[in-house]
Amino acid sequence: MSGRKVLEVLRAELRPLNEYILNHPYVKDAEQGKLPVDLIKEFVISQLYIVPHDLRALAHILSRARFRDEVEFFKVLVDGDYKAFKELIKLAEELGVNVDKPPSPKPEAVTYTHYLSWLALNGTLGDAAIALVVNLPVWGSNTLRLAKALRKNYGIRSVGFLEAFGGPYDELERMAYPIIERYLDMDRYRSVSKMIQAYERMFWDSIYSGR
């Protein structure tokens, strides 16, 4: 099965879960100007924990790469996360969140990065590639909408972190295809894709639960 077909199959199976995430009330409230600022800060606090841990996980995955296409794919992701992290610092500072000693995030909000770390240690590079290309377009769609909402409704200027994930993801997906095919195991890929998106849902549910 081609990498493209694998993604098509998994996305079809994940459609209900992805639709829930894409229609999450956290983002809708922000678009309507109804989201409390404290919940915007909760998003940032969670990301100050998640992004550095994601970077460590991605760096470990990169260290396991054996083929040039694997090096290139995961290096793009490491570089992207590093650039996004610098933008996250700007957002945190604008909102008055302590960057050096941020408050502890809700445990449920950071399960995504713990699972990515688990994949870095225990998964194949195909598992990691599937998780990321399944997740990032959904995450990026929400963060791009959030960037527009925060700028328009809250006057927040430092939205580069949120815009960093806006895509497009076509080229990244093409880079992932040979890696997905090399480690092809549909049972594993199904499990990984469902897990990563379930943890994505937990993130949004958790940061919204303090409303």
C-alpha atoms as a PDB file:
ATOM      1  CA  MET A   1       0.000   0.000   0.000  1.00  0.00           C
ATOM      2  CA  SER A   2       1.351   3.432  -0.891  1.00  0.00           C
ATOM      3  CA  GLY A   3       2.033   6.046   1.751  1.00  0.00           C
ATOM      4  CA  ARG A   4      -0.618   8.262   0.206  1.00  0.00           C
ATOM      5  CA  LYS A   5      -3.211   5.489   0.425  1.00  0.00           C
ATOM      6  CA  VAL A   6      -2.302   4.727   4.027  1.00  0.00           C
ATOM      7  CA  LEU A   7      -2.985   8.349   4.959  1.00  0.00           C
ATOM      8  CA  GLU A   8      -6.267   8.382   3.057  1.00  0.00           C
ATOM      9  CA  VAL A   9      -7.477   5.260   4.870  1.00  0.00           C
ATOM     10  CA  LEU A  10      -6.459   6.492   8.308  1.00  0.00           C
ATOM     11  CA  ARG A  11      -7.958   9.938   7.814  1.00  0.00           C
ATOM     12  CA  ALA A  12     -11.239   8.413   6.725  1.00  0.00           C
ATOM     13  CA  GLU A  13     -11.302   6.321   9.890  1.00  0.00           C
ATOM     14  CA  LEU A  14     -10.381   9.328  12.033  1.00  0.00           C
ATOM     15  CA  ARG A  15     -12.890  11.713  10.467  1.00  0.00           C
ATOM     16  CA  PRO A  16     -15.350  11.817  13.421  1.00  0.00           C
ATOM     17  CA  LEU A  17     -12.560  12.452  15.928  1.00  0.00           C
ATOM     18  CA  ASN A  18     -10.884  15.039  13.718  1.00  0.00           C
ATOM     19  CA  GLU A  19     -14.187  16.820  13.142  1.00  0.00           C
ATOM     20  CA  TYR A  20     -14.669  17.047  16.900  1.00  0.00           C
ATOM     21  CA  ILE A  21     -11.233  18.621  17.298  1.00  0.00           C
ATOM     22  CA  LEU A  22     -11.708  21.010  14.371  1.00  0.00           C
ATOM     23  CA  ASN A  23     -15.028  22.180  15.803  1.00  0.00           C
ATOM     24  CA  HIS A  24     -13.809  22.469  19.369  1.00  0.00           C
ATOM     25  CA  PRO A  25     -15.602  25.116  21.468  1.00  0.00           C
ATOM     26  CA  TYR A  26     -12.251  26.484  22.670  1.00  0.00           C
ATOM     27  CA  VAL A  27     -11.469  27.754  19.187  1.00  0.00           C
ATOM     28  CA  LYS A  28     -15.064  28.794  18.493  1.00  0.00           C
ATOM     29  CA  ASP A  29     -15.218  30.812  21.708  1.00  0.00           C
ATOM     30  CA  ALA A  30     -11.985  32.579  20.770  1.00  0.00           C
ATOM     31  CA  GLU A  31     -13.417  33.408  17.347  1.00  0.00           C
ATOM     32  CA  GLN A  32     -16.450  34.927  19.047  1.00  0.00           C
ATOM     33  CA  GLY A  33     -14.353  36.838  21.581  1.00  0.00           C
ATOM     34  CA  LYS A  34     -15.893  34.846  24.442  1.00  0.00           C
ATOM     35  CA  LEU A  35     -12.841  32.859  25.533  1.00  0.00           C
ATOM     36  CA  PRO A  36     -11.517  34.052  28.917  1.00  0.00           C
ATOM     37  CA  VAL A  37      -7.950  35.354  28.840  1.00  0.00           C
ATOM     38  CA  ASP A  38      -7.060  32.889  31.596  1.00  0.00           C
ATOM     39  CA  LEU A  39      -7.801  30.049  29.173  1.00  0.00           C
ATOM     40  CA  ILE A  40      -5.560  31.636  26.556  1.00  0.00           C
ATOM     41  CA  LYS A  41      -2.831  31.653  29.191  1.00  0.00           C
ATOM     42  CA  GLU A  42      -3.632  28.000  29.949  1.00  0.00           C
ATOM     43  CA  PHE A  43      -2.937  27.205  26.291  1.00  0.00           C
ATOM     44  CA  VAL A  44       0.430  28.955  26.510  1.00  0.00           C
ATOM     45  CA  ILE A  45       1.358  27.306  29.809  1.00  0.00           C
ATOM     46  CA  SER A  46       0.662  23.896  28.299  1.00  0.00           C
ATOM     47  CA  GLN A  47       2.693  24.664  25.188  1.00  0.00           C
ATOM     48  CA  LEU A  48       5.655  25.868  27.258  1.00  0.00           C
ATOM     49  CA  TYR A  49       5.771  22.312  28.594  1.00  0.00           C
ATOM     50  CA  ILE A  50       4.868  20.512  25.370  1.00  0.00           C
ATOM     51  CA  VAL A  51       7.127  22.146  22.793  1.00  0.00           C
ATOM     52  CA  PRO A  52      10.500  21.598  24.550  1.00  0.00           C
ATOM     53  CA  HIS A  53       9.526  17.979  25.209  1.00  0.00           C
ATOM     54  CA  ASP A  54       8.425  17.571  21.593  1.00  0.00           C
ATOM     55  CA  LEU A  55      11.807  18.924  20.509  1.00  0.00           C
ATOM     56  CA  ARG A  56      13.643  16.367  22.626  1.00  0.00           C
ATOM     57  CA  ALA A  57      11.467  13.566  21.258  1.00  0.00           C
ATOM     58  CA  LEU A  58      11.958  14.687  17.657  1.00  0.00           C
ATOM     59  CA  ALA A  59      15.709  15.023  18.174  1.00  0.00           C
ATOM     60  CA  HIS A  60      15.823  11.458  19.485  1.00  0.00           C
ATOM     61  CA  ILE A  61      13.812  10.207  16.522  1.00  0.00           C
ATOM     62  CA  LEU A  62      16.195  12.060  14.199  1.00  0.00           C
ATOM     63  CA  SER A  63      19.148  10.356  15.891  1.00  0.00           C
ATOM     64  CA  ARG A  64      17.623   6.987  14.959  1.00  0.00           C
ATOM     65  CA  ALA A  65      17.316   7.815  11.254  1.00  0.00           C
ATOM     66  CA  ARG A  66      19.099   5.366   8.960  1.00  0.00           C
ATOM     67  CA  PHE A  67      18.154   6.685   5.539  1.00  0.00           C
ATOM     68  CA  ARG A  68      18.561  10.110   3.976  1.00  0.00           C
ATOM     69  CA  ASP A  69      14.817  10.643   3.536  1.00  0.00           C
ATOM     70  CA  GLU A  70      14.346   9.967   7.250  1.00  0.00           C
ATOM     71  CA  VAL A  71      17.034  12.492   8.180  1.00  0.00           C
ATOM     72  CA  GLU A  72      15.510  15.123   5.911  1.00  0.00           C
ATOM     73  CA  PHE A  73      11.943  14.558   7.121  1.00  0.00           C
ATOM     74  CA  PHE A  74      12.640  14.665  10.842  1.00  0.00           C
ATOM     75  CA  LYS A  75      15.178  17.507  10.502  1.00  0.00           C
ATOM     76  CA  VAL A  76      12.421  19.640   8.944  1.00  0.00           C
ATOM     77  CA  LEU A  77      10.246  18.911  11.976  1.00  0.00           C
ATOM     78  CA  VAL A  78      12.998  19.661  14.498  1.00  0.00           C
ATOM     79  CA  ASP A  79      13.790  22.952  12.784  1.00  0.00           C
ATOM     80  CA  GLY A  80      10.112  23.884  12.588  1.00  0.00           C
ATOM     81  CA  ASP A  81       9.514  23.191  16.253  1.00  0.00           C
ATOM     82  CA  TYR A  82      12.598  25.178  17.254  1.00  0.00           C
ATOM     83  CA  LYS A  83      11.447  28.218  15.284  1.00  0.00           C
ATOM     84  CA  ALA A  84       7.958  27.852  16.736  1.00  0.00           C
ATOM     85  CA  PHE A  85       9.387  27.673  20.263  1.00  0.00           C
ATOM     86  CA  LYS A  86      11.067  31.060  19.850  1.00  0.00           C
ATOM     87  CA  GLU A  87       7.721  32.510  18.778  1.00  0.00           C
ATOM     88  CA  LEU A  88       6.016  30.851  21.751  1.00  0.00           C
ATOM     89  CA  ILE A  89       8.333  32.749  24.081  1.00  0.00           C
ATOM     90  CA  LYS A  90       7.143  36.029  22.556  1.00  0.00           C
ATOM     91  CA  LEU A  91       3.498  35.052  23.044  1.00  0.00           C
ATOM     92  CA  ALA A  92       4.110  34.029  26.652  1.00  0.00           C
ATOM     93  CA  GLU A  93       5.888  37.295  27.414  1.00  0.00           C
ATOM     94  CA  GLU A  94       3.087  39.359  25.870  1.00  0.00           C
ATOM     95  CA  LEU A  95       0.558  37.547  28.060  1.00  0.00           C
ATOM     96  CA  GLY A  96       2.673  37.881  31.195  1.00  0.00           C
ATOM     97  CA  VAL A  97       3.350  34.159  31.586  1.00  0.00           C
ATOM     98  CA  ASN A  98       6.637  33.407  33.365  1.00  0.00           C
ATOM     99  CA  VAL A  99       8.781  31.718  30.728  1.00  0.00           C
ATOM    100  CA  ASP A 100      11.612  30.617  33.022  1.00  0.00           C
ATOM    101  CA  LYS A 101       9.321  29.146  35.689  1.00  0.00           C
ATOM    102  CA  PRO A 102       5.906  28.660  34.082  1.00  0.00           C
ATOM    103  CA  PRO A 103       3.044  27.278  36.154  1.00  0.00           C
ATOM    104  CA  SER A 104       2.514  23.535  35.968  1.00  0.00           C
ATOM    105  CA  PRO A 105       0.180  22.484  33.150  1.00  0.00           C
ATOM    106  CA  LYS A 106      -2.797  20.221  33.592  1.00  0.00           C
ATOM    107  CA  PRO A 107      -1.613  16.601  33.213  1.00  0.00           C
ATOM    108  CA  GLU A 108      -4.373  15.835  30.713  1.00  0.00           C
ATOM    109  CA  ALA A 109      -3.197  18.710  28.513  1.00  0.00           C
ATOM    110  CA  VAL A 110       0.291  17.310  27.966  1.00  0.00           C
ATOM    111  CA  THR A 111      -0.366  13.631  27.251  1.00  0.00           C
ATOM    112  CA  TYR A 112       0.360  14.292  23.560  1.00  0.00           C
ATOM    113  CA  THR A 113       4.031  15.033  24.158  1.00  0.00           C
ATOM    114  CA  HIS A 114       4.389  12.071  26.513  1.00  0.00           C
ATOM    115  CA  TYR A 115       3.071   9.805  23.773  1.00  0.00           C
ATOM    116  CA  LEU A 116       5.449  11.352  21.235  1.00  0.00           C
ATOM    117  CA  SER A 117       8.298  10.614  23.652  1.00  0.00           C
ATOM    118  CA  TRP A 118       7.045   7.038  23.940  1.00  0.00           C
ATOM    119  CA  LEU A 119       7.061   6.750  20.144  1.00  0.00           C
ATOM    120  CA  ALA A 120      10.587   8.154  20.034  1.00  0.00           C
ATOM    121  CA  LEU A 121      11.750   5.335  22.298  1.00  0.00           C
ATOM    122  CA  ASN A 122       9.502   2.452  21.288  1.00  0.00           C
ATOM    123  CA  GLY A 123       7.978   3.128  17.877  1.00  0.00           C
ATOM    124  CA  THR A 124       9.348   2.708  14.393  1.00  0.00           C
ATOM    125  CA  LEU A 125      10.209   5.767  12.369  1.00  0.00           C
ATOM    126  CA  GLY A 126       7.139   4.913  10.326  1.00  0.00           C
ATOM    127  CA  ASP A 127       5.018   5.121  13.472  1.00  0.00           C
ATOM    128  CA  ALA A 128       6.443   8.550  14.246  1.00  0.00           C
ATOM    129  CA  ALA A 129       5.947   9.773  10.681  1.00  0.00           C
ATOM    130  CA  ILE A 130       2.320   8.606  10.657  1.00  0.00           C
ATOM    131  CA  ALA A 131       1.599  10.253  14.000  1.00  0.00           C
ATOM    132  CA  LEU A 132       2.978  13.581  12.841  1.00  0.00           C
ATOM    133  CA  VAL A 133       1.418  13.793   9.387  1.00  0.00           C
ATOM    134  CA  VAL A 134      -1.939  12.680  10.786  1.00  0.00           C
ATOM    135  CA  ASN A 135      -1.814  15.211  13.595  1.00  0.00           C
ATOM    136  CA  LEU A 136      -0.126  18.343  12.301  1.00  0.00           C
ATOM    137  CA  PRO A 137      -2.702  19.460   9.698  1.00  0.00           C
ATOM    138  CA  VAL A 138      -5.489  19.210  12.292  1.00  0.00           C
ATOM    139  CA  TRP A 139      -3.462  20.983  14.959  1.00  0.00           C
ATOM    140  CA  GLY A 140      -2.342  23.592  12.445  1.00  0.00           C
ATOM    141  CA  SER A 141      -5.875  24.305  11.281  1.00  0.00           C
ATOM    142  CA  ASN A 142      -6.924  25.079  14.846  1.00  0.00           C
ATOM    143  CA  THR A 143      -3.876  27.171  15.692  1.00  0.00           C
ATOM    144  CA  LEU A 144      -4.214  29.258  12.532  1.00  0.00           C
ATOM    145  CA  ARG A 145      -7.833  30.050  13.386  1.00  0.00           C
ATOM    146  CA  LEU A 146      -6.762  30.814  16.932  1.00  0.00           C
ATOM    147  CA  ALA A 147      -4.063  33.198  15.689  1.00  0.00           C
ATOM    148  CA  LYS A 148      -6.621  35.181  13.712  1.00  0.00           C
ATOM    149  CA  ALA A 149      -9.045  35.226  16.641  1.00  0.00           C
ATOM    150  CA  LEU A 150      -6.475  36.382  19.193  1.00  0.00           C
ATOM    151  CA  ARG A 151      -5.278  39.168  16.950  1.00  0.00           C
ATOM    152  CA  LYS A 152      -8.772  40.340  16.018  1.00  0.00           C
ATOM    153  CA  ASN A 153     -10.662  39.929  19.286  1.00  0.00           C
ATOM    154  CA  TYR A 154      -7.964  40.299  21.932  1.00  0.00           C
ATOM    155  CA  GLY A 155      -5.390  42.577  20.302  1.00  0.00           C
ATOM    156  CA  ILE A 156      -2.651  39.993  20.830  1.00  0.00           C
ATOM    157  CA  ARG A 157       0.226  40.666  18.437  1.00  0.00           C
ATOM    158  CA  SER A 158       2.656  37.819  19.084  1.00  0.00           C
ATOM    159  CA  VAL A 159       0.813  35.067  17.228  1.00  0.00           C
ATOM    160  CA  GLY A 160       3.787  33.738  15.257  1.00  0.00           C
ATOM    161  CA  PHE A 161       3.731  30.499  17.233  1.00  0.00           C
ATOM    162  CA  LEU A 162       0.159  29.813  16.195  1.00  0.00           C
ATOM    163  CA  GLU A 163       0.833  30.734  12.577  1.00  0.00           C
ATOM    164  CA  ALA A 164       3.929  28.514  12.433  1.00  0.00           C
ATOM    165  CA  PHE A 165       1.787  25.387  12.165  1.00  0.00           C
ATOM    166  CA  GLY A 166      -0.594  26.711   9.519  1.00  0.00           C
ATOM    167  CA  GLY A 167       0.845  24.630   6.683  1.00  0.00           C
ATOM    168  CA  PRO A 168       0.503  23.781   3.877  1.00  0.00           C
ATOM    169  CA  TYR A 169       1.538  20.216   4.624  1.00  0.00           C
ATOM    170  CA  ASP A 170       1.525  18.715   1.124  1.00  0.00           C
ATOM    171  CA  GLU A 171       5.310  18.649   0.780  1.00  0.00           C
ATOM    172  CA  LEU A 172       5.843  17.276   4.283  1.00  0.00           C
ATOM    173  CA  GLU A 173       3.385  14.486   3.534  1.00  0.00           C
ATOM    174  CA  ARG A 174       5.220  13.646   0.307  1.00  0.00           C
ATOM    175  CA  MET A 175       8.440  13.430   2.302  1.00  0.00           C
ATOM    176  CA  ALA A 176       6.735  11.024   4.712  1.00  0.00           C
ATOM    177  CA  TYR A 177       5.435   8.578   2.083  1.00  0.00           C
ATOM    178  CA  PRO A 178       8.623   6.488   1.647  1.00  0.00           C
ATOM    179  CA  ILE A 179       9.106   6.304   5.409  1.00  0.00           C
ATOM    180  CA  ILE A 180       5.517   5.167   5.917  1.00  0.00           C
ATOM    181  CA  GLU A 181       5.969   2.517   3.225  1.00  0.00           C
ATOM    182  CA  ARG A 182       9.316   1.298   4.584  1.00  0.00           C
ATOM    183  CA  TYR A 183       7.854   0.395   7.985  1.00  0.00           C
ATOM    184  CA  LEU A 184       4.351  -0.451   6.773  1.00  0.00           C
ATOM    185  CA  ASP A 185       2.194  -2.075   9.447  1.00  0.00           C
ATOM    186  CA  MET A 186      -1.432  -1.004   9.213  1.00  0.00           C
ATOM    187  CA  ASP A 187      -2.400  -2.379  12.611  1.00  0.00           C
ATOM    188  CA  ARG A 188       0.334  -0.330  14.270  1.00  0.00           C
ATOM    189  CA  TYR A 189      -0.456   2.721  12.163  1.00  0.00           C
ATOM    190  CA  ARG A 190      -4.124   2.531  13.108  1.00  0.00           C
ATOM    191  CA  SER A 191      -3.254   2.344  16.778  1.00  0.00           C
ATOM    192  CA  VAL A 192      -0.734   5.186  16.581  1.00  0.00           C
ATOM    193  CA  SER A 193      -3.034   7.501  14.631  1.00  0.00           C
ATOM    194  CA  LYS A 194      -5.966   6.913  16.971  1.00  0.00           C
ATOM    195  CA  MET A 195      -3.796   7.454  20.027  1.00  0.00           C
ATOM    196  CA  ILE A 196      -2.176  10.675  18.848  1.00  0.00           C
ATOM    197  CA  GLN A 197      -5.511  12.198  17.872  1.00  0.00           C
ATOM    198  CA  ALA A 198      -7.145  11.082  21.107  1.00  0.00           C
ATOM    199  CA  TYR A 199      -4.362  12.888  22.970  1.00  0.00           C
ATOM    200  CA  GLU A 200      -4.905  15.931  20.736  1.00  0.00           C
ATOM    201  CA  ARG A 201      -8.547  15.927  21.775  1.00  0.00           C
ATOM    202  CA  MET A 202      -7.534  15.632  25.423  1.00  0.00           C
ATOM    203  CA  PHE A 203      -5.384  18.735  25.043  1.00  0.00           C
ATOM    204  CA  TRP A 204      -8.237  20.910  23.821  1.00  0.00           C
ATOM    205  CA  ASP A 205     -10.743  19.440  26.264  1.00  0.00           C
ATOM    206  CA  SER A 206      -8.388  19.962  29.188  1.00  0.00           C
ATOM    207  CA  ILE A 207      -7.472  23.587  28.547  1.00  0.00           C
ATOM    208  CA  TYR A 208     -11.146  24.401  27.939  1.00  0.00           C
ATOM    209  CA  SER A 209     -12.355  22.674  31.103  1.00  0.00           C
ATOM    210  CA  GLY A 210     -11.306  25.594  33.307  1.00  0.00           C
ATOM    211  CA  ARG A 211     -13.924  27.900  31.781  1.00  0.00           C
END
